[in-house]
Amino acid sequence: MDEVNSLSWEAFIQRFGNVIEHGPIVAGAIWTQRPFSDARELHRAVCGFLDTLPSTGKESILRCHPDLAGALARADRLTTESKKEQRGAGLLNLTKEEAAIITELNISYKSKFQFPFVICARENKKEAIIAGLKARINNTVDVELQHGIGEVKKIAWYRILDLVPTASDQMIAKY
């Protein structure tokens, strides 16, 4: 953590700017909270920032995430982190039938909520993601907004663990 705490503002944003997908503003906002004692404290700072956002800000955070197995994935234009996560969940090698189901569900979900479906792919495989899409589309906007932000927090946890070299093996436990 000494290395993390000694990073300049620019270097901190460079390193942690995608802990929240396309979210360098989050990294910039929490930089002032250094020093962080460990990865968990850094994660708490990220979560604290998210918790202070109004609903419109939380919706914007969700809108920064790509559709799972969507157009960006098919065009190989995902961020490095999203590509790794979607590949690990089996979303980058779907059958035609699975791709059609996810595409249809993504369209229905975005039509209802006006933001994409977000789930921590590292904790799910494609079958669970499809089931999650089918189930969560029945939520209210408020419930789904909170659920989506909860998933963003999980994603952030794993991304922080990837970036903090001193994170111990015991910290790899689920968020």
Protein backbone atom coordinates (compact mmCIF):
# COMPACT_ATOMS: atom_id res chain seq x y z
CA MET A 1 0.00 0.00 0.00
CA ASP A 2 2.98 2.31 0.40
CA GLU A 3 3.33 2.37 -3.37
CA VAL A 4 -0.39 3.09 -3.85
CA ASN A 5 -0.35 5.85 -1.23
CA SER A 6 2.67 7.52 -2.83
CA LEU A 7 1.09 7.78 -6.29
CA SER A 8 0.55 11.25 -7.68
CA TRP A 9 -3.02 12.24 -8.55
CA GLU A 10 -2.39 11.52 -12.23
CA ALA A 11 -0.71 8.17 -11.55
CA PHE A 12 -3.49 7.15 -9.14
CA ILE A 13 -6.14 7.89 -11.79
CA GLN A 14 -4.09 6.04 -14.40
CA ARG A 15 -3.92 2.98 -12.17
CA PHE A 16 -7.39 2.99 -10.58
CA GLY A 17 -9.45 4.90 -13.16
CA ASN A 18 -11.22 1.78 -14.37
CA VAL A 19 -11.95 0.19 -10.99
CA ILE A 20 -15.38 1.62 -11.76
CA GLU A 21 -15.88 1.10 -15.50
CA HIS A 22 -14.80 4.28 -17.31
CA GLY A 23 -14.76 5.99 -13.89
CA PRO A 24 -11.62 8.07 -13.52
CA ILE A 25 -13.69 10.66 -11.67
CA VAL A 26 -14.18 8.12 -8.87
CA ALA A 27 -10.44 7.52 -8.62
CA GLY A 28 -9.82 11.26 -8.65
CA ALA A 29 -12.36 11.83 -5.90
CA ILE A 30 -10.97 9.21 -3.53
CA TRP A 31 -7.28 10.08 -4.06
CA THR A 32 -7.57 12.72 -1.35
CA GLN A 33 -8.55 10.05 1.18
CA ARG A 34 -5.05 8.53 1.14
CA PRO A 35 -3.34 6.97 2.91
CA PHE A 36 -5.22 3.71 2.65
CA SER A 37 -4.17 1.00 5.07
CA ASP A 38 -5.14 -1.87 2.78
CA ALA A 39 -7.23 -2.90 -0.23
CA ARG A 40 -10.38 -3.06 1.89
CA GLU A 41 -10.02 0.57 2.95
CA LEU A 42 -9.48 1.61 -0.66
CA HIS A 43 -12.61 -0.33 -1.60
CA ARG A 44 -14.58 1.31 1.22
CA ALA A 45 -13.60 4.69 -0.20
CA VAL A 46 -14.89 3.69 -3.65
CA CYS A 47 -18.13 2.38 -2.15
CA GLY A 48 -18.52 5.48 -0.02
CA PHE A 49 -18.24 7.66 -3.11
CA LEU A 50 -20.90 5.57 -4.89
CA ASP A 51 -23.20 5.72 -1.87
CA THR A 52 -23.13 9.53 -1.83
CA LEU A 53 -24.30 9.81 -5.44
CA PRO A 54 -27.90 10.77 -6.15
CA SER A 55 -29.95 8.29 -8.18
CA THR A 56 -29.05 10.05 -11.42
CA GLY A 57 -25.35 9.67 -10.62
CA LYS A 58 -25.79 5.99 -9.84
CA GLU A 59 -27.66 5.52 -13.11
CA SER A 60 -24.74 7.19 -14.90
CA ILE A 61 -22.30 4.78 -13.25
CA LEU A 62 -24.37 1.86 -14.51
CA ARG A 63 -24.57 3.35 -18.01
CA CYS A 64 -20.77 3.26 -18.22
CA HIS A 65 -20.91 -0.54 -18.22
CA PRO A 66 -21.16 -2.42 -21.50
CA ASP A 67 -23.96 -4.81 -22.31
CA LEU A 68 -22.89 -8.32 -21.36
CA ALA A 69 -21.98 -10.20 -24.55
CA GLY A 70 -23.13 -7.09 -26.44
CA ALA A 71 -21.95 -5.11 -29.44
CA LEU A 72 -18.71 -3.96 -27.81
CA ALA A 73 -17.79 -7.55 -27.00
CA ARG A 74 -18.58 -8.67 -30.54
CA ALA A 75 -16.46 -5.81 -31.92
CA ASP A 76 -13.61 -6.61 -29.48
CA ARG A 77 -13.89 -3.12 -27.97
CA LEU A 78 -14.35 -3.93 -24.30
CA THR A 79 -11.99 -2.50 -21.71
CA THR A 80 -9.23 -4.92 -20.72
CA GLU A 81 -10.99 -5.53 -17.41
CA SER A 82 -14.43 -6.18 -18.91
CA LYS A 83 -12.98 -8.47 -21.55
CA LYS A 84 -11.24 -10.57 -18.87
CA GLU A 85 -14.39 -10.70 -16.74
CA GLN A 86 -16.75 -11.57 -19.60
CA ARG A 87 -14.34 -14.20 -20.92
CA GLY A 88 -14.12 -15.79 -17.47
CA ALA A 89 -17.90 -16.01 -17.27
CA GLY A 90 -18.09 -17.69 -20.67
CA LEU A 91 -19.77 -14.74 -22.36
CA LEU A 92 -17.27 -14.41 -25.20
CA ASN A 93 -17.93 -17.89 -26.57
CA LEU A 94 -21.70 -18.21 -26.56
CA THR A 95 -23.71 -20.45 -28.82
CA LYS A 96 -25.95 -18.64 -31.32
CA GLU A 97 -28.95 -19.50 -29.17
CA GLU A 98 -27.34 -18.17 -25.98
CA ALA A 99 -26.24 -14.98 -27.76
CA ALA A 100 -29.77 -14.44 -29.07
CA ILE A 101 -31.27 -14.93 -25.60
CA ILE A 102 -28.82 -12.52 -23.95
CA THR A 103 -29.29 -9.94 -26.71
CA GLU A 104 -33.08 -10.07 -26.34
CA LEU A 105 -32.88 -9.86 -22.55
CA ASN A 106 -30.37 -6.98 -22.69
CA ILE A 107 -32.71 -5.04 -24.99
CA SER A 108 -35.73 -5.64 -22.74
CA TYR A 109 -33.76 -4.75 -19.62
CA LYS A 110 -32.36 -1.50 -21.04
CA SER A 111 -35.77 -0.55 -22.39
CA LYS A 112 -37.29 -0.87 -18.93
CA PHE A 113 -34.49 0.60 -16.80
CA GLN A 114 -32.62 2.92 -19.19
CA PHE A 115 -29.28 1.47 -18.06
CA PRO A 116 -27.58 -1.85 -18.81
CA PHE A 117 -27.79 -4.99 -16.71
CA VAL A 118 -24.75 -5.16 -14.43
CA ILE A 119 -23.65 -8.28 -12.63
CA CYS A 120 -20.28 -9.31 -11.24
CA ALA A 121 -19.18 -11.70 -13.98
CA ARG A 122 -16.35 -13.02 -11.81
CA GLU A 123 -18.91 -14.51 -9.45
CA ASN A 124 -21.16 -15.91 -12.19
CA LYS A 125 -21.11 -18.05 -15.30
CA LYS A 126 -23.24 -17.50 -18.39
CA GLU A 127 -26.13 -19.66 -17.12
CA ALA A 128 -26.38 -17.67 -13.88
CA ILE A 129 -26.13 -14.40 -15.80
CA ILE A 130 -28.99 -15.39 -18.09
CA ALA A 131 -31.04 -16.43 -15.05
CA GLY A 132 -30.18 -13.13 -13.36
CA LEU A 133 -31.33 -11.14 -16.38
CA LYS A 134 -34.60 -13.06 -16.46
CA ALA A 135 -35.24 -12.55 -12.75
CA ARG A 136 -34.03 -9.00 -12.27
CA ILE A 137 -36.06 -7.58 -15.15
CA ASN A 138 -39.06 -7.99 -12.84
CA ASN A 139 -37.61 -5.57 -10.25
CA THR A 140 -38.68 -1.97 -9.84
CA VAL A 141 -36.31 0.72 -11.06
CA ASP A 142 -35.34 1.65 -7.49
CA VAL A 143 -34.61 -1.94 -6.50
CA GLU A 144 -32.66 -2.58 -9.67
CA LEU A 145 -30.65 0.62 -9.29
CA GLN A 146 -29.51 -0.48 -5.84
CA HIS A 147 -28.90 -4.03 -7.01
CA GLY A 148 -26.84 -2.81 -9.96
CA ILE A 149 -24.72 -0.53 -7.75
CA GLY A 150 -24.16 -3.46 -5.40
CA GLU A 151 -22.81 -5.43 -8.35
CA VAL A 152 -20.57 -2.49 -9.34
CA LYS A 153 -19.12 -2.58 -5.82
CA LYS A 154 -18.31 -6.29 -6.21
CA ILE A 155 -16.66 -5.64 -9.58
CA ALA A 156 -14.63 -2.83 -8.02
CA TRP A 157 -13.43 -5.15 -5.24
CA TYR A 158 -11.98 -7.66 -7.68
CA ARG A 159 -10.44 -4.96 -9.83
CA ILE A 160 -8.76 -3.44 -6.77
CA LEU A 161 -7.35 -6.84 -5.86
CA ASP A 162 -5.89 -7.04 -9.37
CA LEU A 163 -4.17 -3.67 -8.90
CA VAL A 164 -2.92 -3.72 -5.33
CA PRO A 165 0.20 -5.92 -5.28
CA THR A 166 0.20 -6.35 -1.50
CA ALA A 167 -3.32 -7.73 -1.28
CA SER A 168 -3.03 -10.96 0.67
CA ASP A 169 -4.55 -14.23 -0.45
CA GLN A 170 -7.03 -14.08 2.43
CA MET A 171 -8.51 -10.90 0.94
CA ILE A 172 -9.52 -12.74 -2.21
CA ALA A 173 -12.60 -14.04 -0.45
CA LYS A 174 -15.83 -12.90 -2.04
CA TYR A 175 -16.81 -9.31 -1.48
